[in-house]
N, C-alpha and C. Protein backbone atom coordinates (compact mmCIF):
# COMPACT_ATOMS: atom_id res chain seq x y z
N MET A 1 0.57 -0.95 0.02
CA MET A 1 0.13 0.34 -0.50
C MET A 1 0.99 1.56 -0.27
N ASN A 2 0.46 1.47 -0.81
CA ASN A 2 1.19 2.87 -0.79
C ASN A 2 0.91 4.15 0.19
N GLY A 3 1.44 4.12 1.83
CA GLY A 3 1.16 6.03 2.45
C GLY A 3 0.21 6.86 1.44
N ASN A 4 1.38 7.49 0.87
CA ASN A 4 0.97 9.02 0.33
C ASN A 4 -0.06 8.88 -0.84
N SER A 5 -0.67 7.60 -1.02
CA SER A 5 -1.51 8.12 -2.03
C SER A 5 -3.43 7.75 -0.94
N ILE A 6 -4.39 8.51 -2.02
CA ILE A 6 -5.56 8.54 -0.91
C ILE A 6 -5.99 7.39 -1.27
N SER A 7 -6.42 6.84 -2.62
CA SER A 7 -6.46 5.93 -3.02
C SER A 7 -5.86 4.53 -2.58
N GLY A 8 -5.21 4.96 -1.93
CA GLY A 8 -4.70 3.56 -1.74
C GLY A 8 -5.08 3.25 -0.31
N VAL A 9 -4.72 3.81 1.05
CA VAL A 9 -5.62 4.30 2.09
C VAL A 9 -7.48 3.70 1.85
N LEU A 10 -7.94 3.95 1.04
CA LEU A 10 -9.31 4.13 1.25
C LEU A 10 -9.19 2.20 0.20
N ASN A 11 -8.60 1.96 0.02
CA ASN A 11 -8.54 0.37 -0.90
C ASN A 11 -8.05 -0.63 0.11
N PHE A 12 -6.65 0.12 0.76
CA PHE A 12 -6.36 -1.12 1.87
C PHE A 12 -8.24 -1.28 3.05
N LEU A 13 -8.76 0.40 3.67
CA LEU A 13 -9.81 0.58 4.43
C LEU A 13 -11.29 -0.11 4.19
N LEU A 14 -11.23 -0.68 2.23
CA LEU A 14 -12.12 -1.24 1.55
C LEU A 14 -11.89 -2.58 2.14
N LYS A 15 -11.04 -3.05 2.40
CA LYS A 15 -10.97 -4.58 1.70
C LYS A 15 -11.48 -5.68 2.78
N ASP A 16 -11.69 -4.83 4.22
CA ASP A 16 -12.17 -6.14 5.88
C ASP A 16 -10.59 -6.61 5.68
N GLN A 17 -9.71 -6.52 5.98
CA GLN A 17 -8.39 -7.50 6.44
C GLN A 17 -8.71 -7.45 7.80
N SER A 18 -8.69 -6.85 8.56
CA SER A 18 -8.21 -6.97 9.88
C SER A 18 -10.08 -6.70 10.97
N GLY A 19 -11.32 -6.13 10.08
CA GLY A 19 -12.60 -5.39 10.89
C GLY A 19 -12.32 -4.55 10.43
N VAL A 20 -11.67 -3.85 9.48
CA VAL A 20 -12.19 -1.98 9.63
C VAL A 20 -12.98 -1.72 9.48
N SER A 21 -13.72 -2.61 8.17
CA SER A 21 -15.27 -1.76 8.22
C SER A 21 -16.37 -2.05 9.17
N GLN A 22 -16.42 -3.56 9.93
CA GLN A 22 -16.30 -3.47 11.32
C GLN A 22 -16.91 -2.43 12.19
N ILE A 23 -15.62 -2.23 12.24
CA ILE A 23 -15.19 -1.03 12.85
C ILE A 23 -15.82 0.71 13.04
N ILE A 24 -15.80 0.42 10.72
CA ILE A 24 -16.32 1.95 10.69
C ILE A 24 -18.20 2.13 10.36
N VAL A 25 -18.90 0.39 10.86
CA VAL A 25 -20.22 0.44 10.78
C VAL A 25 -20.26 0.71 12.23
N ASN A 26 -19.57 0.26 13.35
CA ASN A 26 -20.47 0.25 13.76
C ASN A 26 -20.11 2.28 14.64
N ILE A 27 -18.53 2.64 14.42
CA ILE A 27 -18.71 3.88 14.48
C ILE A 27 -20.17 4.45 13.91
N GLY A 28 -20.12 4.46 12.77
CA GLY A 28 -21.77 5.42 11.88
C GLY A 28 -21.97 5.15 12.78
N GLY A 29 -22.33 4.02 13.67
CA GLY A 29 -24.22 3.39 14.41
C GLY A 29 -23.88 4.47 15.32
N MET A 30 -22.59 3.84 16.17
CA MET A 30 -22.66 5.20 17.73
C MET A 30 -23.25 6.69 16.99
N ALA A 31 -22.40 7.35 16.14
CA ALA A 31 -22.88 8.56 15.84
C ALA A 31 -24.68 8.71 15.68
N LEU A 32 -25.17 7.87 15.25
CA LEU A 32 -26.81 7.74 14.86
C LEU A 32 -27.09 7.69 16.13
N PHE A 33 -26.70 6.83 16.86
CA PHE A 33 -28.04 6.81 18.44
C PHE A 33 -27.08 7.49 18.93
N ILE A 34 -25.85 8.21 18.93
CA ILE A 34 -25.60 9.88 19.50
C ILE A 34 -26.34 10.96 19.32
N THR A 35 -26.79 11.52 18.06
CA THR A 35 -27.62 12.02 17.25
C THR A 35 -29.21 11.93 17.67
N ILE A 36 -30.27 10.55 17.84
CA ILE A 36 -31.17 10.39 17.69
C ILE A 36 -31.93 11.24 19.04
N LEU A 37 -30.28 9.95 20.13
CA LEU A 37 -30.67 10.80 22.04
C LEU A 37 -30.02 11.56 22.74
N LEU A 38 -29.56 13.01 21.08
CA LEU A 38 -29.30 14.28 21.95
C LEU A 38 -30.46 14.78 21.23
N PHE A 39 -31.01 14.94 20.33
CA PHE A 39 -32.51 14.72 20.00
C PHE A 39 -33.74 14.95 20.82
N GLY A 40 -34.03 13.58 21.73
CA GLY A 40 -34.79 13.40 22.65
C GLY A 40 -34.46 14.33 23.19
N LEU A 41 -33.39 14.04 23.66
CA LEU A 41 -32.88 15.06 25.09
C LEU A 41 -33.45 16.30 24.99
N MET A 42 -33.11 17.09 23.98
CA MET A 42 -33.22 18.86 23.99
C MET A 42 -35.42 18.73 23.59
N MET A 43 -35.17 17.85 22.86
CA MET A 43 -37.05 17.54 22.96
C MET A 43 -37.62 17.49 24.61
N ALA A 44 -37.17 16.64 24.73
CA ALA A 44 -38.15 16.43 26.55
C ALA A 44 -37.35 17.25 27.07
N LYS A 45 -37.03 18.38 27.09
CA LYS A 45 -36.11 19.56 27.57
C LYS A 45 -36.87 20.91 27.21
N TYR A 46 -37.67 20.28 25.90
CA TYR A 46 -38.59 21.14 25.98
C TYR A 46 -39.39 21.13 25.98
N VAL A 47 -40.13 20.39 25.87
CA VAL A 47 -41.64 20.04 26.36
C VAL A 47 -41.85 19.93 28.62
N MET A 48 -41.19 19.74 28.90
CA MET A 48 -40.30 20.31 30.79
C MET A 48 -40.20 22.08 30.15
N THR A 49 -39.92 22.78 30.16
CA THR A 49 -40.37 24.40 30.01
C THR A 49 -41.33 24.55 29.50
N TYR A 50 -41.81 23.78 28.78
CA TYR A 50 -43.31 24.32 28.33
C TYR A 50 -44.43 23.70 29.63
N HIS A 51 -44.24 22.72 30.20
CA HIS A 51 -45.12 22.20 31.48
C HIS A 51 -45.09 23.38 32.29
N GLU A 52 -44.32 23.78 32.86
CA GLU A 52 -43.87 24.21 33.80
C GLU A 52 -44.06 26.05 33.42
N LEU A 53 -44.15 26.47 32.36
CA LEU A 53 -44.58 27.44 31.95
C LEU A 53 -46.55 27.54 31.71
N LYS A 54 -46.76 26.09 31.51
CA LYS A 54 -48.30 25.79 31.74
C LYS A 54 -48.54 26.32 33.17
N ASN A 55 -48.18 25.63 33.86
CA ASN A 55 -48.12 24.94 35.48
C ASN A 55 -48.57 27.11 36.21
N ILE A 56 -47.20 27.19 36.11
CA ILE A 56 -47.38 28.54 36.89
C ILE A 56 -48.67 29.74 35.82
N GLY A 57 -48.43 29.59 34.24
CA GLY A 57 -50.12 30.06 33.66
C GLY A 57 -51.57 30.01 34.72
N GLU A 58 -52.14 28.40 34.42
CA GLU A 58 -52.86 27.48 34.70
C GLU A 58 -53.56 27.89 36.76
N THR A 59 -51.91 28.23 36.91
CA THR A 59 -51.62 27.92 38.84
C THR A 59 -51.69 29.64 39.37
N VAL A 60 -50.60 30.22 38.78
CA VAL A 60 -50.35 31.32 40.32
C VAL A 60 -50.77 32.57 39.66
N MET A 61 -50.55 32.98 37.64
CA MET A 61 -51.64 33.50 37.23
C MET A 61 -52.83 33.70 37.40
N ARG A 62 -54.18 32.40 36.63
CA ARG A 62 -55.33 32.25 37.36
C ARG A 62 -55.49 33.45 38.12
N ASP A 63 -54.98 32.23 39.84
CA ASP A 63 -55.83 32.48 40.90
C ASP A 63 -55.32 34.01 41.49
N ALA A 64 -54.23 34.43 40.69
CA ALA A 64 -53.76 35.79 40.83
C ALA A 64 -54.52 36.75 40.75
N MET A 65 -54.78 36.60 39.83
CA MET A 65 -55.95 37.53 39.11
C MET A 65 -57.27 37.34 38.92
N LYS A 66 -57.74 36.73 39.79
CA LYS A 66 -59.21 36.32 39.90
C LYS A 66 -59.29 36.48 41.73
N VAL A 67 -58.06 36.83 42.47
CA VAL A 67 -58.08 37.89 44.07
C VAL A 67 -57.79 39.70 43.33
N ASN A 68 -57.06 39.06 42.16
CA ASN A 68 -56.53 41.18 42.82
C ASN A 68 -57.59 41.57 41.32
N ASN A 69 -58.40 40.94 40.81
CA ASN A 69 -59.94 41.86 39.56
C ASN A 69 -58.89 42.19 38.42
N GLY A 70 -57.98 41.10 38.07
CA GLY A 70 -56.53 40.52 37.62
C GLY A 70 -55.51 41.48 36.93
N LEU A 71 -54.66 41.71 36.49
CA LEU A 71 -53.19 41.77 36.92
C LEU A 71 -52.29 43.04 36.71
N THR A 72 -52.68 43.03 37.98
CA THR A 72 -51.43 43.79 38.73
C THR A 72 -49.47 43.85 38.72
N PRO A 73 -49.25 44.92 38.00
CA PRO A 73 -47.49 44.78 38.12
C PRO A 73 -47.05 44.25 39.33
N SER A 74 -47.48 44.26 39.98
CA SER A 74 -46.95 43.31 41.34
C SER A 74 -47.41 41.25 40.93
N VAL A 75 -48.33 40.75 40.78
CA VAL A 75 -48.52 40.37 39.76
C VAL A 75 -47.54 39.70 38.55
N GLN A 76 -47.24 40.77 37.69
CA GLN A 76 -46.32 40.32 36.71
C GLN A 76 -45.09 40.21 37.46
N MET A 77 -44.64 41.24 38.04
CA MET A 77 -43.05 40.83 38.83
C MET A 77 -43.10 39.23 39.32
N TYR A 78 -44.03 39.29 40.36
CA TYR A 78 -44.59 37.28 40.86
C TYR A 78 -43.79 36.65 39.88
N ILE A 79 -44.89 36.85 39.36
CA ILE A 79 -45.18 35.30 37.90
C ILE A 79 -43.37 35.07 37.01
N ARG A 80 -42.58 36.44 36.66
CA ARG A 80 -41.48 36.76 36.09
C ARG A 80 -40.50 36.27 36.73
N ASP A 81 -40.23 36.15 38.18
CA ASP A 81 -39.20 35.89 39.72
C ASP A 81 -39.88 34.35 39.09
N GLU A 82 -40.90 33.80 39.92
CA GLU A 82 -41.22 32.79 39.79
C GLU A 82 -40.51 32.04 38.79
N LEU A 83 -40.75 32.32 37.55
CA LEU A 83 -39.51 31.57 36.06
C LEU A 83 -39.13 32.39 36.03
N VAL A 84 -38.20 32.84 36.09
CA VAL A 84 -36.42 33.17 36.34
C VAL A 84 -35.66 32.71 37.08
N ARG A 85 -36.77 31.99 38.35
CA ARG A 85 -36.60 30.63 39.30
C ARG A 85 -36.21 29.46 39.11
N LYS A 86 -37.20 29.60 38.26
CA LYS A 86 -37.12 27.54 37.35
C LYS A 86 -36.88 27.58 35.63
N GLY A 87 -35.24 28.39 36.04
CA GLY A 87 -34.50 28.35 34.85
C GLY A 87 -35.67 29.60 33.40
N PHE A 88 -36.51 30.55 33.49
CA PHE A 88 -36.12 31.48 32.17
C PHE A 88 -35.70 32.15 31.76
N ASP A 89 -35.07 32.60 31.09
CA ASP A 89 -34.64 33.70 30.68
C ASP A 89 -35.58 34.66 30.38
N SER A 90 -35.64 36.37 31.60
CA SER A 90 -36.44 37.25 31.27
C SER A 90 -36.41 37.79 30.21
N SER A 91 -35.30 38.04 29.80
CA SER A 91 -35.17 38.64 27.75
C SER A 91 -36.15 38.31 27.76
N ARG A 92 -37.22 37.26 27.15
CA ARG A 92 -37.73 35.65 26.51
C ARG A 92 -39.13 36.50 27.06
N LEU A 93 -39.25 36.29 28.06
CA LEU A 93 -40.81 36.25 29.00
C LEU A 93 -41.61 37.56 27.98
N SER A 94 -42.74 37.08 28.23
CA SER A 94 -43.93 38.73 28.35
C SER A 94 -45.12 37.81 28.62
N ILE A 95 -45.31 38.84 29.83
CA ILE A 95 -46.66 38.47 30.34
C ILE A 95 -47.95 39.97 30.46
N THR A 96 -48.82 39.59 29.70
CA THR A 96 -49.71 39.89 29.33
C THR A 96 -51.40 39.54 29.89
N GLY A 97 -52.38 40.62 30.24
CA GLY A 97 -53.59 40.29 30.61
C GLY A 97 -54.07 41.50 30.60
N THR A 98 -55.56 41.63 31.57
CA THR A 98 -56.51 41.93 31.01
C THR A 98 -56.03 42.75 32.20
N PRO A 99 -55.54 44.29 32.86
CA PRO A 99 -55.03 45.21 33.91
C PRO A 99 -56.09 44.86 35.05
N SER A 100 -55.81 44.81 36.58
CA SER A 100 -56.33 45.42 37.37
C SER A 100 -57.13 46.65 37.64
N PRO A 101 -58.11 47.63 38.00
CA PRO A 101 -59.44 46.71 38.44
C PRO A 101 -60.29 46.23 38.27
N GLN A 102 -61.30 45.13 37.59
CA GLN A 102 -62.19 45.11 37.39
C GLN A 102 -63.27 44.72 38.17
N SER A 103 -64.76 45.08 37.35
CA SER A 103 -65.71 44.66 38.38
C SER A 103 -66.34 43.58 38.61
N PHE A 104 -66.76 42.47 39.36
CA PHE A 104 -67.28 41.19 39.19
C PHE A 104 -67.65 41.11 38.62
N GLY A 105 -66.97 39.90 37.80
CA GLY A 105 -68.19 38.41 37.52
C GLY A 105 -67.12 38.95 35.65
N THR A 106 -66.37 40.11 35.92
CA THR A 106 -65.82 40.48 34.74
C THR A 106 -64.76 38.87 33.73
N GLU A 107 -65.20 38.99 32.52
CA GLU A 107 -63.58 38.21 32.46
C GLU A 107 -62.87 38.51 32.01
N MET A 108 -61.68 37.64 31.84
CA MET A 108 -60.77 38.65 32.24
C MET A 108 -59.42 37.30 31.44
N SER A 109 -58.06 37.49 30.45
CA SER A 109 -57.75 37.14 29.71
C SER A 109 -56.29 36.61 30.35
N GLY A 110 -55.03 36.33 30.16
CA GLY A 110 -54.05 36.67 30.89
C GLY A 110 -52.91 35.48 29.94
N GLN A 111 -52.00 36.06 29.25
CA GLN A 111 -50.91 35.56 28.95
C GLN A 111 -50.00 35.50 28.83
N ILE A 112 -48.38 33.91 29.14
CA ILE A 112 -47.12 34.29 29.66
C ILE A 112 -46.87 33.07 27.97
N SER A 113 -46.06 34.00 27.60
CA SER A 113 -45.01 33.46 26.63
C SER A 113 -43.73 33.53 26.47
N TYR A 114 -43.21 32.70 26.30
CA TYR A 114 -41.49 32.70 26.08
C TYR A 114 -41.09 32.42 24.97
N VAL A 115 -39.80 32.53 24.71
CA VAL A 115 -39.12 32.29 22.75
C VAL A 115 -38.03 31.46 23.42
N TYR A 116 -38.61 30.40 23.17
CA TYR A 116 -37.56 29.14 23.50
C TYR A 116 -36.29 28.97 22.38
N GLN A 117 -35.44 28.77 22.47
CA GLN A 117 -34.39 28.64 21.33
C GLN A 117 -33.86 27.03 21.47
N PHE A 118 -33.85 25.65 20.82
CA PHE A 118 -33.09 24.75 21.08
C PHE A 118 -31.52 25.62 21.17
N PRO A 119 -30.92 24.94 22.30
CA PRO A 119 -29.10 24.82 22.41
C PRO A 119 -28.10 24.47 20.83
N VAL A 120 -28.44 23.13 20.56
CA VAL A 120 -27.32 22.87 19.69
C VAL A 120 -27.85 24.01 18.27
N PHE A 121 -28.87 23.63 17.43
CA PHE A 121 -29.38 24.72 17.13
C PHE A 121 -28.41 26.91 16.87
N GLN A 122 -29.17 26.60 17.56
CA GLN A 122 -28.10 28.35 19.03
C GLN A 122 -26.13 28.03 18.13
N ALA A 123 -25.98 27.44 18.85
CA ALA A 123 -24.39 26.07 18.02
C ALA A 123 -24.11 26.57 16.78
N THR A 124 -24.22 25.51 15.50
CA THR A 124 -24.45 26.22 15.21
C THR A 124 -24.58 27.56 14.05
N ALA A 125 -25.41 27.89 14.24
CA ALA A 125 -25.19 29.26 13.93
C ALA A 125 -24.47 30.31 13.91
N SER A 126 -23.89 29.88 14.41
CA SER A 126 -22.41 30.73 14.03
C SER A 126 -21.79 30.24 13.96
N LEU A 127 -21.72 28.76 13.29
CA LEU A 127 -20.55 27.94 12.27
C LEU A 127 -21.51 28.35 10.93
N PHE A 128 -22.48 28.26 10.80
CA PHE A 128 -23.45 28.05 9.66
C PHE A 128 -24.68 29.88 10.06
N PRO A 129 -23.42 30.66 9.59
CA PRO A 129 -24.53 31.72 9.77
C PRO A 129 -25.34 32.42 8.46
N ASP A 130 -25.26 31.15 6.80
CA ASP A 130 -25.96 32.34 6.30
C ASP A 130 -27.18 30.85 6.90
N ILE A 131 -27.79 30.44 7.25
CA ILE A 131 -28.63 29.17 8.00
C ILE A 131 -29.56 30.35 8.86
N GLN A 132 -30.54 30.08 8.55
CA GLN A 132 -31.99 31.20 9.02
C GLN A 132 -32.32 30.89 10.69
N ILE A 133 -31.71 30.14 11.70
CA ILE A 133 -33.20 29.93 12.71
C ILE A 133 -34.43 30.28 13.16
N GLN A 134 -35.11 30.28 13.42
CA GLN A 134 -36.27 30.10 14.11
C GLN A 134 -36.40 29.61 15.33
N ASN A 135 -36.08 30.20 16.14
CA ASN A 135 -36.39 30.36 17.78
C ASN A 135 -37.91 29.74 17.95
N GLN A 136 -38.48 28.60 18.72
CA GLN A 136 -40.26 28.54 18.75
C GLN A 136 -40.74 29.24 20.40
N THR A 137 -41.86 30.27 19.94
CA THR A 137 -43.02 30.32 20.55
C THR A 137 -43.41 29.79 21.72
N MET A 138 -43.67 30.04 22.61
CA MET A 138 -44.85 28.95 22.75
C MET A 138 -45.36 29.70 24.39
N SER A 139 -46.44 29.31 24.20
CA SER A 139 -47.93 30.23 25.79
C SER A 139 -48.27 30.00 26.01
N THR A 140 -49.05 30.33 27.06
CA THR A 140 -50.25 29.89 27.75
C THR A 140 -51.52 30.29 28.62
N ARG A 141 -52.46 30.27 27.67
CA ARG A 141 -53.80 31.55 27.54
C ARG A 141 -54.55 30.70 28.87
N VAL A 142 -54.91 32.15 29.56
CA VAL A 142 -55.50 32.10 31.26
C VAL A 142 -57.03 32.21 30.95
N HIS A 143 -58.07 31.57 31.68
CA HIS A 143 -59.65 32.98 30.95
C HIS A 143 -60.48 32.74 32.73
N VAL A 144 -60.57 33.43 32.98
CA VAL A 144 -60.80 33.72 34.63
C VAL A 144 -61.91 34.57 34.28
N TYR A 145 -63.22 35.11 35.88
CA TYR A 145 -63.62 36.08 35.98
C TYR A 145 -63.48 36.00 36.92
N SER A 146 -63.33 38.03 37.18
CA SER A 146 -63.23 38.66 38.89
C SER A 146 -63.68 38.45 39.79
N LEU A 147 -63.53 38.29 40.77
CA LEU A 147 -64.00 37.91 42.36
C LEU A 147 -64.96 39.31 42.83
N GLY A 148 -64.06 40.30 42.39
CA GLY A 148 -64.26 41.57 42.99
C GLY A 148 -64.37 41.62 44.26
N ILE A 149 -63.02 40.95 44.85
CA ILE A 149 -62.48 41.26 46.47
C ILE A 149 -62.02 42.79 45.69
N ILE A 150 -62.53 43.43 47.41
CA ILE A 150 -62.15 44.56 47.37
C ILE A 150 -60.95 45.21 48.81
N ARG A 151 -59.65 45.16 48.72
CA ARG A 151 -58.31 44.99 49.29
C ARG A 151 -58.63 46.51 49.17
């Protein structure tokens, strides 16, 4: 085998004299397994993040809007602080809703939105600047009726 020629190296690797092709197949299989595992873990993280966002919206935001007759700045700050404590980036959070005060029985709505960035895609964006990577916006909405509690 000529060590300086690429065709000689390829010829040596493809002859299966010492199980080299099996090693190449195993490496390819491991690379495929790692890729599938990585995407599975990314999707699991996405689902867990959405679950946390939905949980805060359906409990804290709903109850606070009922009691406070709408969304107050203090409730917005509390929700933002809770989400930041759970690992959310506050610059990508948006908390909106029917402002307080509202009268008894008024239908109110609120929404928490978060711009989720997949970490692997963001890391590869610096390598391939021409490829546009879209961030995923996740949100949860709540609809409640004012209890009319006077504070």
